[in-house]
Amino acid sequence: MKLARLLSTLLGLAALTAMGADAAGPTRSRIPFDGTVKAGEKFECLFGGRFVFRLVPGIDEDGWSIEVIESGQTDDLAALTLPLHFTTPTIIQGWHFRNEDNTGPNDGSVNQPQEDRNFTFSPEVVRLQKLPKSELTESDFQRIAQFGTGVLHIDRLILSPPKKSEQAKILEMSFHCTVSFPAQPAKP
């Protein structure tokens, strides 16, 4: 179990690097944390003294949305994680992990992210969300990814029992997450 978790963390750090995070050093902070949530529960973790990672229950308590906010604020700084529609990794729902007719595990017939959920965040998202989506540029998304990245890895899922033609719901989820963001400058 520990070896699998270490491997997953290393893969997550590799994903962070691929998403634009530079090597660990004095200019970036990397914070790992983990948790378990049951259907309808909210999860929050303060990091960096200014940000809060949140799992917010979805409609009908089916899954969660990954959000990053600044402490004391409500704007979701991860709202412009790509892709913006359809297969967004910031939405986690039970049906993502089952096949089309909900009779078994996802066999590829449902095109949704699985255990690893990569996301980006930046305070700049607050300003960018006021623009029409058609005006957002590749450099806007690059700046967001250069500011903050994260990988949530789902370690364990308990889904509702399979029922043909219904949607699976997540009853419980255990995960670990690593976020990377600019380190606070040292005070003289």
N, C-alpha and C. Protein backbone atom coordinates (compact mmCIF):
# COMPACT_ATOMS: atom_id res chain seq x y z
N MET A 1 0.83 -1.20 0.00
CA MET A 1 0.00 0.00 0.00
C MET A 1 0.87 1.25 0.00
N LYS A 2 1.92 1.26 0.87
CA LYS A 2 2.79 2.43 0.93
C LYS A 2 3.55 2.60 -0.37
N LEU A 3 3.97 1.47 -1.00
CA LEU A 3 4.68 1.55 -2.27
C LEU A 3 3.77 2.12 -3.35
N ALA A 4 2.52 1.67 -3.37
CA ALA A 4 1.57 2.19 -4.36
C ALA A 4 1.34 3.68 -4.16
N ARG A 5 1.24 4.10 -2.92
CA ARG A 5 1.02 5.52 -2.62
C ARG A 5 2.24 6.36 -3.02
N LEU A 6 3.45 5.84 -2.74
CA LEU A 6 4.67 6.53 -3.13
C LEU A 6 4.75 6.65 -4.65
N LEU A 7 4.46 5.56 -5.34
CA LEU A 7 4.47 5.59 -6.80
C LEU A 7 3.47 6.60 -7.32
N SER A 8 2.28 6.62 -6.73
CA SER A 8 1.25 7.57 -7.16
C SER A 8 1.70 9.00 -6.90
N THR A 9 2.34 9.25 -5.75
CA THR A 9 2.83 10.60 -5.45
C THR A 9 3.90 11.01 -6.44
N LEU A 10 4.82 10.09 -6.76
CA LEU A 10 5.87 10.40 -7.74
C LEU A 10 5.26 10.68 -9.11
N LEU A 11 4.27 9.89 -9.50
CA LEU A 11 3.60 10.15 -10.77
C LEU A 11 2.88 11.50 -10.74
N GLY A 12 2.30 11.83 -9.59
CA GLY A 12 1.64 13.13 -9.44
C GLY A 12 2.62 14.28 -9.58
N LEU A 13 3.80 14.13 -8.97
CA LEU A 13 4.81 15.18 -9.09
C LEU A 13 5.29 15.29 -10.53
N ALA A 14 5.40 14.16 -11.22
CA ALA A 14 5.78 14.20 -12.64
C ALA A 14 4.70 14.93 -13.44
N ALA A 15 3.44 14.69 -13.09
CA ALA A 15 2.34 15.39 -13.77
C ALA A 15 2.40 16.88 -13.50
N LEU A 16 2.73 17.25 -12.26
CA LEU A 16 2.86 18.68 -11.94
C LEU A 16 3.93 19.32 -12.81
N THR A 17 5.06 18.64 -12.97
CA THR A 17 6.13 19.17 -13.80
C THR A 17 5.65 19.31 -15.24
N ALA A 18 4.96 18.29 -15.74
CA ALA A 18 4.46 18.34 -17.11
C ALA A 18 3.44 19.45 -17.31
N MET A 19 2.73 19.81 -16.23
CA MET A 19 1.70 20.85 -16.34
C MET A 19 2.28 22.25 -16.20
N GLY A 20 3.61 22.37 -16.07
CA GLY A 20 4.19 23.70 -16.04
C GLY A 20 4.83 24.07 -14.72
N ALA A 21 4.76 23.21 -13.72
CA ALA A 21 5.41 23.52 -12.45
C ALA A 21 6.90 23.26 -12.61
N ASP A 22 7.73 24.15 -12.10
CA ASP A 22 9.16 23.94 -12.22
C ASP A 22 9.65 22.99 -11.13
N ALA A 23 10.92 22.64 -11.18
CA ALA A 23 11.48 21.72 -10.20
C ALA A 23 11.36 22.31 -8.79
N ALA A 24 11.27 21.41 -7.81
CA ALA A 24 11.17 21.88 -6.43
C ALA A 24 12.39 22.74 -6.12
N GLY A 25 12.16 23.81 -5.47
CA GLY A 25 13.25 24.72 -5.14
C GLY A 25 12.71 25.83 -4.27
N PRO A 26 13.52 26.86 -4.06
CA PRO A 26 13.13 27.92 -3.14
C PRO A 26 11.97 28.78 -3.65
N THR A 27 11.61 28.67 -4.93
CA THR A 27 10.56 29.53 -5.46
C THR A 27 9.17 28.88 -5.44
N ARG A 28 9.08 27.58 -5.16
CA ARG A 28 7.78 26.89 -5.16
C ARG A 28 7.60 26.10 -3.89
N SER A 29 6.36 26.01 -3.47
CA SER A 29 5.99 25.15 -2.35
C SER A 29 5.18 23.99 -2.90
N ARG A 30 5.42 22.82 -2.35
CA ARG A 30 4.62 21.64 -2.69
C ARG A 30 4.06 21.10 -1.39
N ILE A 31 2.75 20.99 -1.35
CA ILE A 31 2.07 20.57 -0.13
C ILE A 31 1.26 19.30 -0.41
N PRO A 32 1.57 18.18 0.27
CA PRO A 32 0.74 16.98 0.14
C PRO A 32 -0.26 16.91 1.31
N PHE A 33 -1.42 16.35 1.04
CA PHE A 33 -2.41 16.10 2.10
C PHE A 33 -3.33 14.99 1.63
N ASP A 34 -4.12 14.43 2.54
CA ASP A 34 -5.04 13.37 2.15
C ASP A 34 -6.33 13.50 2.95
N GLY A 35 -7.32 12.72 2.56
CA GLY A 35 -8.59 12.78 3.25
C GLY A 35 -9.55 11.70 2.79
N THR A 36 -10.65 11.63 3.48
CA THR A 36 -11.75 10.73 3.14
C THR A 36 -13.05 11.52 3.29
N VAL A 37 -13.93 11.39 2.32
CA VAL A 37 -15.23 12.05 2.37
C VAL A 37 -16.32 11.03 2.06
N LYS A 38 -17.46 11.24 2.70
CA LYS A 38 -18.65 10.44 2.41
C LYS A 38 -19.62 11.32 1.63
N ALA A 39 -20.56 10.68 0.93
CA ALA A 39 -21.53 11.41 0.11
C ALA A 39 -22.13 12.57 0.89
N GLY A 40 -22.12 13.75 0.28
CA GLY A 40 -22.71 14.94 0.89
C GLY A 40 -21.79 15.72 1.79
N GLU A 41 -20.62 15.15 2.15
CA GLU A 41 -19.69 15.85 3.02
C GLU A 41 -18.79 16.79 2.22
N LYS A 42 -18.38 17.87 2.86
CA LYS A 42 -17.45 18.83 2.29
C LYS A 42 -16.08 18.57 2.90
N PHE A 43 -15.02 18.81 2.12
CA PHE A 43 -13.66 18.68 2.63
C PHE A 43 -12.93 19.99 2.37
N GLU A 44 -12.16 20.45 3.35
CA GLU A 44 -11.35 21.66 3.18
C GLU A 44 -9.98 21.44 3.80
N CYS A 45 -8.95 21.99 3.14
CA CYS A 45 -7.59 21.94 3.64
C CYS A 45 -6.91 23.27 3.33
N LEU A 46 -6.52 23.99 4.36
CA LEU A 46 -5.79 25.24 4.21
C LEU A 46 -4.35 24.92 3.81
N PHE A 47 -3.82 25.62 2.82
CA PHE A 47 -2.42 25.42 2.46
C PHE A 47 -1.78 26.75 2.08
N GLY A 48 -0.50 26.83 2.35
CA GLY A 48 0.24 28.03 2.01
C GLY A 48 -0.15 29.26 2.80
N GLY A 49 -0.96 29.09 3.84
CA GLY A 49 -1.37 30.21 4.67
C GLY A 49 -2.37 31.14 4.01
N ARG A 50 -2.75 30.85 2.75
CA ARG A 50 -3.66 31.77 2.06
C ARG A 50 -4.69 31.07 1.18
N PHE A 51 -4.46 29.80 0.83
CA PHE A 51 -5.37 29.09 -0.07
C PHE A 51 -6.10 27.99 0.68
N VAL A 52 -7.27 27.62 0.14
CA VAL A 52 -8.05 26.51 0.69
C VAL A 52 -8.42 25.59 -0.47
N PHE A 53 -8.01 24.32 -0.35
CA PHE A 53 -8.46 23.29 -1.28
C PHE A 53 -9.78 22.78 -0.75
N ARG A 54 -10.77 22.67 -1.65
CA ARG A 54 -12.09 22.20 -1.21
C ARG A 54 -12.63 21.12 -2.14
N LEU A 55 -13.33 20.17 -1.55
CA LEU A 55 -14.20 19.27 -2.30
C LEU A 55 -15.61 19.66 -1.89
N VAL A 56 -16.38 20.14 -2.85
CA VAL A 56 -17.73 20.64 -2.59
C VAL A 56 -18.73 19.63 -3.15
N PRO A 57 -19.67 19.14 -2.32
CA PRO A 57 -20.64 18.15 -2.81
C PRO A 57 -21.41 18.65 -4.02
N GLY A 58 -21.65 17.72 -4.95
CA GLY A 58 -22.39 18.05 -6.16
C GLY A 58 -23.89 18.02 -5.95
N ILE A 59 -24.61 18.28 -7.03
CA ILE A 59 -26.07 18.24 -7.01
C ILE A 59 -26.51 16.84 -6.60
N ASP A 60 -27.52 16.74 -5.79
CA ASP A 60 -28.04 15.46 -5.28
C ASP A 60 -26.96 14.68 -4.53
N GLU A 61 -25.96 15.40 -3.98
CA GLU A 61 -24.87 14.78 -3.24
C GLU A 61 -24.17 13.70 -4.06
N ASP A 62 -24.13 13.88 -5.39
CA ASP A 62 -23.46 12.93 -6.27
C ASP A 62 -22.08 13.45 -6.61
N GLY A 63 -21.09 13.04 -5.85
CA GLY A 63 -19.71 13.42 -6.14
C GLY A 63 -19.35 14.79 -5.61
N TRP A 64 -18.26 15.34 -6.16
CA TRP A 64 -17.71 16.59 -5.68
C TRP A 64 -17.13 17.41 -6.82
N SER A 65 -16.99 18.70 -6.55
CA SER A 65 -16.23 19.60 -7.41
C SER A 65 -14.95 19.96 -6.67
N ILE A 66 -13.84 19.93 -7.39
CA ILE A 66 -12.57 20.39 -6.83
C ILE A 66 -12.53 21.90 -6.98
N GLU A 67 -12.26 22.60 -5.89
CA GLU A 67 -12.14 24.05 -5.91
C GLU A 67 -10.91 24.47 -5.11
N VAL A 68 -10.32 25.59 -5.50
CA VAL A 68 -9.28 26.24 -4.71
C VAL A 68 -9.74 27.68 -4.55
N ILE A 69 -9.79 28.16 -3.32
CA ILE A 69 -10.18 29.54 -3.07
C ILE A 69 -9.10 30.21 -2.23
N GLU A 70 -9.11 31.53 -2.20
CA GLU A 70 -8.27 32.24 -1.24
C GLU A 70 -9.06 32.30 0.06
N SER A 71 -8.38 32.12 1.16
CA SER A 71 -9.01 32.11 2.47
C SER A 71 -9.88 33.36 2.64
N GLY A 72 -11.13 33.17 3.04
CA GLY A 72 -12.04 34.29 3.25
C GLY A 72 -12.76 34.76 2.00
N GLN A 73 -12.46 34.14 0.85
CA GLN A 73 -13.09 34.51 -0.42
C GLN A 73 -13.96 33.35 -0.91
N THR A 74 -14.69 33.58 -2.00
CA THR A 74 -15.55 32.52 -2.53
C THR A 74 -15.24 32.16 -3.98
N ASP A 75 -14.44 32.97 -4.68
CA ASP A 75 -14.15 32.70 -6.09
C ASP A 75 -13.31 31.44 -6.23
N ASP A 76 -13.72 30.55 -7.16
CA ASP A 76 -13.00 29.31 -7.41
C ASP A 76 -11.82 29.59 -8.34
N LEU A 77 -10.61 29.50 -7.81
CA LEU A 77 -9.40 29.79 -8.57
C LEU A 77 -9.01 28.64 -9.50
N ALA A 78 -9.72 27.51 -9.41
CA ALA A 78 -9.47 26.37 -10.29
C ALA A 78 -10.53 26.26 -11.38
N ALA A 79 -11.38 27.27 -11.49
CA ALA A 79 -12.51 27.22 -12.42
C ALA A 79 -12.11 27.17 -13.90
N LEU A 80 -10.89 27.56 -14.23
CA LEU A 80 -10.46 27.54 -15.63
C LEU A 80 -9.50 26.39 -15.91
N THR A 81 -9.61 25.31 -15.14
CA THR A 81 -8.84 24.10 -15.43
C THR A 81 -9.33 23.53 -16.76
N LEU A 82 -8.40 23.18 -17.63
CA LEU A 82 -8.76 22.62 -18.94
C LEU A 82 -8.93 21.12 -18.86
N PRO A 83 -9.81 20.55 -19.69
CA PRO A 83 -10.77 21.23 -20.55
C PRO A 83 -11.91 21.81 -19.73
N LEU A 84 -12.52 22.84 -20.28
CA LEU A 84 -13.56 23.55 -19.54
C LEU A 84 -14.91 22.84 -19.57
N HIS A 85 -15.11 21.93 -20.52
CA HIS A 85 -16.42 21.27 -20.67
C HIS A 85 -16.25 19.76 -20.83
N PHE A 86 -17.28 19.05 -20.55
CA PHE A 86 -17.47 17.62 -20.80
C PHE A 86 -16.58 16.72 -19.95
N THR A 87 -15.28 16.72 -20.15
CA THR A 87 -14.42 15.80 -19.42
C THR A 87 -13.55 16.55 -18.41
N THR A 88 -14.09 17.57 -17.80
CA THR A 88 -13.30 18.36 -16.86
C THR A 88 -12.87 17.53 -15.65
N PRO A 89 -11.59 17.57 -15.30
CA PRO A 89 -11.12 16.77 -14.17
C PRO A 89 -11.52 17.31 -12.81
N THR A 90 -12.09 18.50 -12.74
CA THR A 90 -12.47 19.07 -11.45
C THR A 90 -13.85 18.61 -10.98
N ILE A 91 -14.55 17.85 -11.79
CA ILE A 91 -15.84 17.26 -11.39
C ILE A 91 -15.62 15.76 -11.22
N ILE A 92 -15.98 15.25 -10.05
CA ILE A 92 -15.83 13.82 -9.75
C ILE A 92 -17.22 13.27 -9.45
N GLN A 93 -17.70 12.36 -10.30
CA GLN A 93 -19.02 11.75 -10.09
C GLN A 93 -18.94 10.25 -10.27
N GLY A 94 -19.85 9.54 -9.62
CA GLY A 94 -19.84 8.09 -9.63
C GLY A 94 -19.91 7.47 -11.01
N TRP A 95 -20.70 8.05 -11.91
CA TRP A 95 -20.87 7.45 -13.22
C TRP A 95 -19.58 7.46 -14.03
N HIS A 96 -18.59 8.27 -13.65
CA HIS A 96 -17.30 8.28 -14.36
C HIS A 96 -16.59 6.94 -14.23
N PHE A 97 -16.92 6.18 -13.17
CA PHE A 97 -16.17 4.98 -12.84
C PHE A 97 -16.91 3.69 -13.20
N ARG A 98 -18.03 3.81 -13.92
CA ARG A 98 -18.80 2.65 -14.37
C ARG A 98 -18.94 2.68 -15.89
N ASN A 99 -19.29 1.53 -16.46
CA ASN A 99 -19.53 1.48 -17.90
C ASN A 99 -20.84 2.17 -18.24
N GLU A 100 -21.14 2.28 -19.54
CA GLU A 100 -22.31 3.06 -19.99
C GLU A 100 -23.62 2.63 -19.36
N ASP A 101 -23.82 1.33 -19.18
CA ASP A 101 -25.12 0.90 -18.63
C ASP A 101 -25.06 0.61 -17.12
N ASN A 102 -23.95 1.01 -16.46
CA ASN A 102 -23.81 0.91 -15.01
C ASN A 102 -23.90 -0.52 -14.49
N THR A 103 -23.31 -1.46 -15.25
CA THR A 103 -23.33 -2.85 -14.80
C THR A 103 -21.95 -3.33 -14.35
N GLY A 104 -20.92 -2.51 -14.54
CA GLY A 104 -19.57 -2.90 -14.17
C GLY A 104 -18.64 -1.71 -14.22
N PRO A 105 -17.35 -1.94 -13.99
CA PRO A 105 -16.36 -0.85 -14.00
C PRO A 105 -16.30 -0.17 -15.37
N ASN A 106 -15.80 1.05 -15.40
CA ASN A 106 -15.63 1.78 -16.66
C ASN A 106 -14.66 1.00 -17.54
N ASP A 107 -15.15 0.54 -18.67
CA ASP A 107 -14.35 -0.24 -19.60
C ASP A 107 -13.86 0.62 -20.77
N GLY A 108 -13.91 1.93 -20.58
CA GLY A 108 -13.53 2.85 -21.66
C GLY A 108 -14.74 3.39 -22.40
N SER A 109 -15.92 2.85 -22.11
CA SER A 109 -17.13 3.30 -22.79
C SER A 109 -17.60 4.66 -22.27
N VAL A 110 -17.08 5.09 -21.12
CA VAL A 110 -17.40 6.40 -20.56
C VAL A 110 -16.10 7.21 -20.58
N ASN A 111 -16.07 8.26 -21.39
CA ASN A 111 -14.87 9.07 -21.57
C ASN A 111 -14.80 10.16 -20.51
N GLN A 112 -14.32 9.78 -19.33
CA GLN A 112 -14.17 10.72 -18.21
C GLN A 112 -12.85 10.43 -17.51
N PRO A 113 -12.27 11.46 -16.88
CA PRO A 113 -11.05 11.22 -16.11
C PRO A 113 -11.31 10.16 -15.03
N GLN A 114 -10.28 9.42 -14.68
CA GLN A 114 -10.43 8.37 -13.69
C GLN A 114 -9.76 8.76 -12.36
N GLU A 115 -8.82 7.99 -11.87
CA GLU A 115 -8.29 8.20 -10.52
C GLU A 115 -7.46 9.46 -10.35
N ASP A 116 -6.73 9.89 -11.38
CA ASP A 116 -5.90 11.08 -11.26
C ASP A 116 -6.63 12.29 -11.84
N ARG A 117 -6.78 13.32 -11.02
CA ARG A 117 -7.47 14.55 -11.42
C ARG A 117 -6.49 15.71 -11.32
N ASN A 118 -5.97 16.15 -12.48
CA ASN A 118 -5.04 17.28 -12.54
C ASN A 118 -5.84 18.57 -12.61
N PHE A 119 -5.39 19.59 -11.88
CA PHE A 119 -6.07 20.88 -11.93
C PHE A 119 -5.05 22.00 -11.82
N THR A 120 -5.46 23.18 -12.25
CA THR A 120 -4.63 24.38 -12.17
C THR A 120 -5.40 25.44 -11.41
N PHE A 121 -4.67 26.41 -10.83
CA PHE A 121 -5.35 27.48 -10.10
C PHE A 121 -4.47 28.72 -10.07
N SER A 122 -5.12 29.87 -9.96
CA SER A 122 -4.41 31.14 -9.88
C SER A 122 -5.38 32.22 -9.43
N PRO A 123 -4.91 33.19 -8.63
CA PRO A 123 -5.76 34.33 -8.30
C PRO A 123 -6.19 35.11 -9.55
N GLU A 124 -5.43 35.00 -10.63
CA GLU A 124 -5.77 35.69 -11.87
C GLU A 124 -7.09 35.19 -12.47
N VAL A 125 -7.53 34.01 -12.08
CA VAL A 125 -8.78 33.45 -12.60
C VAL A 125 -9.96 34.37 -12.30
N VAL A 126 -9.93 35.04 -11.15
CA VAL A 126 -11.04 35.95 -10.77
C VAL A 126 -11.24 36.99 -11.87
N ARG A 127 -10.15 37.57 -12.36
CA ARG A 127 -10.23 38.58 -13.43
C ARG A 127 -10.59 37.94 -14.76
N LEU A 128 -9.97 36.81 -15.07
CA LEU A 128 -10.19 36.17 -16.37
C LEU A 128 -11.62 35.67 -16.55
N GLN A 129 -12.28 35.27 -15.45
CA GLN A 129 -13.65 34.76 -15.56
C GLN A 129 -14.63 35.85 -15.97
N LYS A 130 -14.24 37.11 -15.86
CA LYS A 130 -15.12 38.21 -16.26
C LYS A 130 -15.10 38.40 -17.78
N LEU A 131 -14.11 37.81 -18.45
CA LEU A 131 -14.00 37.92 -19.91
C LEU A 131 -14.86 36.86 -20.58
N PRO A 132 -15.33 37.13 -21.80
CA PRO A 132 -15.99 36.06 -22.57
C PRO A 132 -14.97 34.95 -22.82
N LYS A 133 -15.41 33.69 -22.73
CA LYS A 133 -14.49 32.56 -22.93
C LYS A 133 -13.76 32.65 -24.26
N SER A 134 -14.41 33.23 -25.27
CA SER A 134 -13.79 33.35 -26.60
C SER A 134 -12.58 34.29 -26.59
N GLU A 135 -12.45 35.13 -25.56
CA GLU A 135 -11.32 36.06 -25.49
C GLU A 135 -10.14 35.50 -24.70
N LEU A 136 -10.32 34.35 -24.06
CA LEU A 136 -9.22 33.74 -23.32
C LEU A 136 -8.20 33.19 -24.31
N THR A 137 -6.92 33.37 -23.99
CA THR A 137 -5.86 32.94 -24.89
C THR A 137 -5.06 31.80 -24.27
N GLU A 138 -4.26 31.16 -25.10
CA GLU A 138 -3.39 30.10 -24.62
C GLU A 138 -2.45 30.62 -23.54
N SER A 139 -1.97 31.85 -23.70
CA SER A 139 -1.06 32.41 -22.69
C SER A 139 -1.77 32.63 -21.36
N ASP A 140 -3.09 32.91 -21.37
CA ASP A 140 -3.85 33.02 -20.11
C ASP A 140 -3.80 31.69 -19.36
N PHE A 141 -4.05 30.59 -20.08
CA PHE A 141 -4.06 29.27 -19.45
C PHE A 141 -2.66 28.86 -19.01
N GLN A 142 -1.64 29.27 -19.77
CA GLN A 142 -0.26 28.97 -19.37
C GLN A 142 0.11 29.70 -18.08
N ARG A 143 -0.31 30.96 -17.95
CA ARG A 143 -0.03 31.72 -16.72
C ARG A 143 -0.70 31.08 -15.51
N ILE A 144 -1.93 30.60 -15.70
CA ILE A 144 -2.63 29.93 -14.60
C ILE A 144 -1.84 28.70 -14.17
N ALA A 145 -1.43 27.87 -15.14
CA ALA A 145 -0.70 26.64 -14.83
C ALA A 145 0.68 26.94 -14.22
N GLN A 146 1.29 28.05 -14.63
CA GLN A 146 2.59 28.41 -14.06
C GLN A 146 2.44 28.85 -12.61
N PHE A 147 1.27 29.37 -12.27
CA PHE A 147 1.05 29.78 -10.88
C PHE A 147 0.83 28.57 -9.98
N GLY A 148 -0.23 27.81 -10.26
CA GLY A 148 -0.57 26.72 -9.35
C GLY A 148 -1.08 25.49 -10.06
N THR A 149 -0.62 24.32 -9.60
CA THR A 149 -1.08 23.05 -10.14
C THR A 149 -1.38 22.10 -8.99
N GLY A 150 -2.18 21.10 -9.28
CA GLY A 150 -2.47 20.09 -8.29
C GLY A 150 -2.85 18.78 -8.94
N VAL A 151 -2.66 17.71 -8.20
CA VAL A 151 -3.10 16.39 -8.63
C VAL A 151 -3.81 15.75 -7.45
N LEU A 152 -5.08 15.42 -7.64
CA LEU A 152 -5.83 14.64 -6.66
C LEU A 152 -5.84 13.21 -7.18
N HIS A 153 -5.39 12.27 -6.37
CA HIS A 153 -5.42 10.85 -6.74
C HIS A 153 -6.42 10.14 -5.84
N ILE A 154 -7.36 9.48 -6.47
CA ILE A 154 -8.38 8.73 -5.74
C ILE A 154 -7.78 7.37 -5.37
N ASP A 155 -7.65 7.15 -4.06
CA ASP A 155 -7.08 5.89 -3.56
C ASP A 155 -8.13 4.79 -3.45
N ARG A 156 -9.36 5.18 -3.06
CA ARG A 156 -10.41 4.18 -2.83
C ARG A 156 -11.77 4.82 -3.06
N LEU A 157 -12.63 4.09 -3.77
CA LEU A 157 -14.00 4.54 -4.01
C LEU A 157 -14.97 3.46 -3.56
N ILE A 158 -16.03 3.88 -2.91
CA ILE A 158 -17.15 2.98 -2.67
C ILE A 158 -18.31 3.57 -3.45
N LEU A 159 -18.78 2.81 -4.44
CA LEU A 159 -19.88 3.25 -5.30
C LEU A 159 -21.18 2.56 -4.89
N SER A 160 -22.30 3.17 -5.28
CA SER A 160 -23.60 2.53 -5.08
C SER A 160 -23.62 1.23 -5.90
N PRO A 161 -24.46 0.26 -5.49
CA PRO A 161 -24.51 -1.01 -6.23
C PRO A 161 -24.89 -0.78 -7.70
N PRO A 162 -24.30 -1.58 -8.62
CA PRO A 162 -24.65 -1.45 -10.03
C PRO A 162 -26.13 -1.73 -10.27
N LYS A 163 -26.78 -0.84 -11.01
CA LYS A 163 -28.17 -1.05 -11.44
C LYS A 163 -28.24 -0.60 -12.89
N LYS A 164 -28.60 -1.52 -13.76
CA LYS A 164 -28.63 -1.25 -15.19
C LYS A 164 -29.43 0.02 -15.50
N SER A 165 -28.85 0.86 -16.33
CA SER A 165 -29.46 2.10 -16.84
C SER A 165 -29.64 3.20 -15.79
N GLU A 166 -29.04 3.04 -14.61
CA GLU A 166 -29.06 4.11 -13.62
C GLU A 166 -27.64 4.66 -13.50
N GLN A 167 -27.47 5.78 -12.81
CA GLN A 167 -26.15 6.34 -12.62
C GLN A 167 -25.59 5.96 -11.25
N ALA A 168 -24.33 5.54 -11.25
CA ALA A 168 -23.66 5.22 -9.99
C ALA A 168 -23.42 6.49 -9.20
N LYS A 169 -23.49 6.36 -7.89
CA LYS A 169 -23.17 7.47 -6.99
C LYS A 169 -21.99 7.07 -6.12
N ILE A 170 -21.18 8.05 -5.76
CA ILE A 170 -20.06 7.78 -4.86
C ILE A 170 -20.58 7.85 -3.42
N LEU A 171 -20.39 6.77 -2.68
CA LEU A 171 -20.80 6.73 -1.28
C LEU A 171 -19.66 7.20 -0.37
N GLU A 172 -18.41 6.89 -0.77
CA GLU A 172 -17.24 7.29 0.01
C GLU A 172 -16.03 7.32 -0.90
N MET A 173 -15.12 8.27 -0.63
CA MET A 173 -13.90 8.40 -1.43
C MET A 173 -12.73 8.77 -0.52
N SER A 174 -11.63 8.03 -0.65
CA SER A 174 -10.37 8.37 0.01
C SER A 174 -9.40 8.83 -1.07
N PHE A 175 -8.58 9.82 -0.75
CA PHE A 175 -7.71 10.41 -1.76
C PHE A 175 -6.46 10.98 -1.11
N HIS A 176 -5.48 11.26 -1.95
CA HIS A 176 -4.37 12.11 -1.54
C HIS A 176 -4.15 13.12 -2.66
N CYS A 177 -3.60 14.25 -2.28
CA CYS A 177 -3.48 15.37 -3.20
C CYS A 177 -2.15 16.07 -2.95
N THR A 178 -1.56 16.61 -4.01
CA THR A 178 -0.37 17.44 -3.90
C THR A 178 -0.63 18.72 -4.69
N VAL A 179 -0.37 19.86 -4.08
CA VAL A 179 -0.50 21.14 -4.77
C VAL A 179 0.87 21.81 -4.83
N SER A 180 1.11 22.55 -5.91
CA SER A 180 2.36 23.29 -6.11
C SER A 180 2.00 24.73 -6.45
N PHE A 181 2.68 25.68 -5.82
CA PHE A 181 2.36 27.10 -6.02
C PHE A 181 3.58 27.92 -5.60
N PRO A 182 3.61 29.21 -5.96
CA PRO A 182 4.76 30.04 -5.58
C PRO A 182 4.92 30.13 -4.07
N ALA A 183 6.16 29.95 -3.63
CA ALA A 183 6.46 30.06 -2.20
C ALA A 183 6.39 31.53 -1.78
N GLN A 184 6.03 31.73 -0.53
CA GLN A 184 6.02 33.09 0.02
C GLN A 184 7.46 33.55 0.14
N PRO A 185 7.77 34.78 -0.28
CA PRO A 185 9.14 35.25 -0.10
C PRO A 185 9.50 35.34 1.38
N ALA A 186 10.76 35.04 1.67
CA ALA A 186 11.22 35.12 3.05
C ALA A 186 11.21 36.57 3.51
N LYS A 187 10.79 36.78 4.75
CA LYS A 187 10.78 38.14 5.29
C LYS A 187 12.13 38.47 5.89
N PRO A 188 12.65 39.68 5.63
CA PRO A 188 13.98 40.05 6.13
C PRO A 188 14.00 40.17 7.64
